[in-house]
């Protein structure tokens, strides 16, 4: 006879899938940013000194001002990915707020509402 195995409830499975999707999108975001840096390096383009932080609104405006089509496509993809991450974050936060044990778990150092 085959031993029984644990199958989480539908809502738990959905939350786990949301977390996996979020993690995947975070990796995509990093990849897109690295590709943007690589394109700039290949072309020998350096950002102005007054732009101290990468991928701020000012930095993105400067990148778009370069009028490089492939760069604009990557920026569009980056913004779409970040929008998806914000939507997932919103869903996860709502679920976290409805779940008292999750709030207790998040008091453990290093565990935020994503991991709780």
Foldseek 3Di string as FASTA:
>chain_A
DDDDDDDDDPVVVVLVVLLVLLVVLVVVLVVLVVVLVVVCVVVVHDDDPVCPDPPDPVNVVVQVVVVDVVNVVSVVVNVVSVVSNVVSVVVLVVVCVVDVVLVVVCVPPPRHSSND
